[in-house]
Amino acid sequence: MSEVLLIAGALALVLAFVVPGKDTAQLPKRAVKRRIYWTGSAVGGVLLFLGGLPDIQSSLAFVAATVILMTGWAYFRTPHLKIGGQIRSAYAPYREPDPPPGM
């Protein structure tokens, strides 16, 4: 196992939570934050997988934990789970469509 990759993977997941989004000319803040969240989750999952090698069981366990944690958090606490153009969330106000850019 590579401690450096495991720490880098954990850091990527933490940054996915805390890095704020910002409005752009094409996308609202919520959409930018959603992309940051899922990009950080994917990068963190890959780094955790690589950090667990050569033990494939540990690597798969790290990825499974990442998927469960990040998807669960996205569903229960954020508007970051968007499937087929519709936001999925346990909290009704988060299910509203994204505001237009600049709002």
C-alpha atoms as a PDB file:
ATOM      1  CA  MET A   1       0.000   0.000   0.000  1.00  0.00           C
ATOM      2  CA  SER A   2       1.126   3.497  -0.773  1.00  0.00           C
ATOM      3  CA  GLU A   3       0.452   5.912   2.063  1.00  0.00           C
ATOM      4  CA  VAL A   4       1.127   8.885  -0.211  1.00  0.00           C
ATOM      5  CA  LEU A   5      -1.603   7.832  -2.666  1.00  0.00           C
ATOM      6  CA  LEU A   6      -4.035   7.059   0.153  1.00  0.00           C
ATOM      7  CA  ILE A   7      -3.475  10.489   1.693  1.00  0.00           C
ATOM      8  CA  ALA A   8      -3.778  12.166  -1.723  1.00  0.00           C
ATOM      9  CA  GLY A   9      -7.043  10.286  -2.353  1.00  0.00           C
ATOM     10  CA  ALA A  10      -8.460  11.306   1.006  1.00  0.00           C
ATOM     11  CA  LEU A  11      -7.403  14.907   0.345  1.00  0.00           C
ATOM     12  CA  ALA A  12      -9.158  14.859  -3.051  1.00  0.00           C
ATOM     13  CA  LEU A  13     -12.377  13.705  -1.363  1.00  0.00           C
ATOM     14  CA  VAL A  14     -12.132  16.412   1.296  1.00  0.00           C
ATOM     15  CA  LEU A  15     -11.493  19.062  -1.346  1.00  0.00           C
ATOM     16  CA  ALA A  16     -14.542  17.839  -3.280  1.00  0.00           C
ATOM     17  CA  PHE A  17     -16.598  18.721  -0.193  1.00  0.00           C
ATOM     18  CA  VAL A  18     -15.070  22.086   0.652  1.00  0.00           C
ATOM     19  CA  VAL A  19     -14.068  23.803  -2.615  1.00  0.00           C
ATOM     20  CA  PRO A  20     -16.795  26.330  -3.404  1.00  0.00           C
ATOM     21  CA  GLY A  21     -18.297  26.740  -6.843  1.00  0.00           C
ATOM     22  CA  LYS A  22     -18.618  30.061  -8.620  1.00  0.00           C
ATOM     23  CA  ASP A  23     -20.842  31.483 -11.317  1.00  0.00           C
ATOM     24  CA  THR A  24     -19.583  31.472 -14.873  1.00  0.00           C
ATOM     25  CA  ALA A  25     -21.097  32.910 -18.025  1.00  0.00           C
ATOM     26  CA  GLN A  26     -22.353  29.467 -19.067  1.00  0.00           C
ATOM     27  CA  LEU A  27     -23.075  27.683 -15.781  1.00  0.00           C
ATOM     28  CA  PRO A  28     -24.641  28.613 -12.437  1.00  0.00           C
ATOM     29  CA  LYS A  29     -22.704  28.161  -9.199  1.00  0.00           C
ATOM     30  CA  ARG A  30     -24.614  24.980  -8.359  1.00  0.00           C
ATOM     31  CA  ALA A  31     -23.625  23.297 -11.629  1.00  0.00           C
ATOM     32  CA  VAL A  32     -19.967  24.286 -11.199  1.00  0.00           C
ATOM     33  CA  LYS A  33     -19.948  22.938  -7.627  1.00  0.00           C
ATOM     34  CA  ARG A  34     -21.576  19.714  -8.850  1.00  0.00           C
ATOM     35  CA  ARG A  35     -18.759  19.233 -11.360  1.00  0.00           C
ATOM     36  CA  ILE A  36     -16.101  19.962  -8.731  1.00  0.00           C
ATOM     37  CA  TYR A  37     -17.756  17.478  -6.354  1.00  0.00           C
ATOM     38  CA  TRP A  38     -17.913  14.605  -8.836  1.00  0.00           C
ATOM     39  CA  THR A  39     -14.472  15.285 -10.320  1.00  0.00           C
ATOM     40  CA  GLY A  40     -12.952  15.274  -6.829  1.00  0.00           C
ATOM     41  CA  SER A  41     -14.846  12.085  -6.035  1.00  0.00           C
ATOM     42  CA  ALA A  42     -13.578  10.346  -9.174  1.00  0.00           C
ATOM     43  CA  VAL A  43      -9.979  11.480  -8.659  1.00  0.00           C
ATOM     44  CA  GLY A  44     -10.142  10.461  -4.998  1.00  0.00           C
ATOM     45  CA  GLY A  45     -11.544   7.041  -5.892  1.00  0.00           C
ATOM     46  CA  VAL A  46      -8.789   6.391  -8.435  1.00  0.00           C
ATOM     47  CA  LEU A  47      -6.059   7.504  -6.020  1.00  0.00           C
ATOM     48  CA  LEU A  48      -7.485   5.346  -3.231  1.00  0.00           C
ATOM     49  CA  PHE A  49      -7.649   2.370  -5.605  1.00  0.00           C
ATOM     50  CA  LEU A  50      -4.026   2.861  -6.636  1.00  0.00           C
ATOM     51  CA  GLY A  51      -3.006   3.416  -3.013  1.00  0.00           C
ATOM     52  CA  GLY A  52      -4.471   0.061  -2.012  1.00  0.00           C
ATOM     53  CA  LEU A  53      -2.540  -1.925  -4.610  1.00  0.00           C
ATOM     54  CA  PRO A  54      -1.149  -4.605  -4.760  1.00  0.00           C
ATOM     55  CA  ASP A  55      -3.906  -5.843  -2.422  1.00  0.00           C
ATOM     56  CA  ILE A  56      -6.895  -5.825  -4.784  1.00  0.00           C
ATOM     57  CA  GLN A  57      -9.393  -6.450  -1.963  1.00  0.00           C
ATOM     58  CA  SER A  58      -8.294  -3.317  -0.135  1.00  0.00           C
ATOM     59  CA  SER A  59      -8.364  -1.317  -3.352  1.00  0.00           C
ATOM     60  CA  LEU A  60     -11.913  -2.416  -4.147  1.00  0.00           C
ATOM     61  CA  ALA A  61     -13.000  -1.755  -0.560  1.00  0.00           C
ATOM     62  CA  PHE A  62     -11.625   1.799  -0.761  1.00  0.00           C
ATOM     63  CA  VAL A  63     -13.493   2.417  -4.027  1.00  0.00           C
ATOM     64  CA  ALA A  64     -16.732   0.904  -2.684  1.00  0.00           C
ATOM     65  CA  ALA A  65     -16.516   3.068   0.438  1.00  0.00           C
ATOM     66  CA  THR A  66     -15.877   6.142  -1.726  1.00  0.00           C
ATOM     67  CA  VAL A  67     -18.877   5.428  -3.964  1.00  0.00           C
ATOM     68  CA  ILE A  68     -21.188   4.806  -1.001  1.00  0.00           C
ATOM     69  CA  LEU A  69     -19.969   7.839   0.957  1.00  0.00           C
ATOM     70  CA  MET A  70     -19.970  10.349  -1.885  1.00  0.00           C
ATOM     71  CA  THR A  71     -23.237   9.183  -3.481  1.00  0.00           C
ATOM     72  CA  GLY A  72     -24.990   9.016  -0.111  1.00  0.00           C
ATOM     73  CA  TRP A  73     -23.765  12.472   0.842  1.00  0.00           C
ATOM     74  CA  ALA A  74     -24.818  13.839  -2.554  1.00  0.00           C
ATOM     75  CA  TYR A  75     -28.332  12.408  -2.175  1.00  0.00           C
ATOM     76  CA  PHE A  76     -28.980  13.323   1.453  1.00  0.00           C
ATOM     77  CA  ARG A  77     -27.119  16.631   1.824  1.00  0.00           C
ATOM     78  CA  THR A  78     -26.603  18.328  -1.569  1.00  0.00           C
ATOM     79  CA  PRO A  79     -28.155  19.012  -4.986  1.00  0.00           C
ATOM     80  CA  HIS A  80     -25.157  17.298  -6.645  1.00  0.00           C
ATOM     81  CA  LEU A  81     -26.897  14.115  -7.795  1.00  0.00           C
ATOM     82  CA  LYS A  82     -28.322  14.920 -11.236  1.00  0.00           C
ATOM     83  CA  ILE A  83     -29.498  12.012 -13.384  1.00  0.00           C
ATOM     84  CA  GLY A  84     -31.147  12.485 -16.762  1.00  0.00           C
ATOM     85  CA  GLY A  85     -31.375  16.241 -16.251  1.00  0.00           C
ATOM     86  CA  GLN A  86     -33.302  15.847 -12.986  1.00  0.00           C
ATOM     87  CA  ILE A  87     -31.810  16.559  -9.572  1.00  0.00           C
ATOM     88  CA  ARG A  88     -32.262  13.698  -7.096  1.00  0.00           C
ATOM     89  CA  SER A  89     -32.201  14.655  -3.426  1.00  0.00           C
ATOM     90  CA  ALA A  90     -33.823  13.643  -0.163  1.00  0.00           C
ATOM     91  CA  TYR A  91     -34.322  17.338   0.669  1.00  0.00           C
ATOM     92  CA  ALA A  92     -37.130  18.908  -1.395  1.00  0.00           C
ATOM     93  CA  PRO A  93     -35.604  22.406  -1.874  1.00  0.00           C
ATOM     94  CA  TYR A  94     -32.530  20.807  -3.482  1.00  0.00           C
ATOM     95  CA  ARG A  95     -34.739  19.183  -6.152  1.00  0.00           C
ATOM     96  CA  GLU A  96     -35.464  22.553  -7.754  1.00  0.00           C
ATOM     97  CA  PRO A  97     -33.886  23.107 -11.191  1.00  0.00           C
ATOM     98  CA  ASP A  98     -30.596  24.970 -11.348  1.00  0.00           C
ATOM     99  CA  PRO A  99     -30.981  28.749 -11.473  1.00  0.00           C
ATOM    100  CA  PRO A 100     -29.833  30.545 -14.616  1.00  0.00           C
ATOM    101  CA  PRO A 101     -26.150  31.570 -14.803  1.00  0.00           C
ATOM    102  CA  GLY A 102     -25.284  34.634 -12.747  1.00  0.00           C
ATOM    103  CA  MET A 103     -27.970  34.090 -10.111  1.00  0.00           C
END
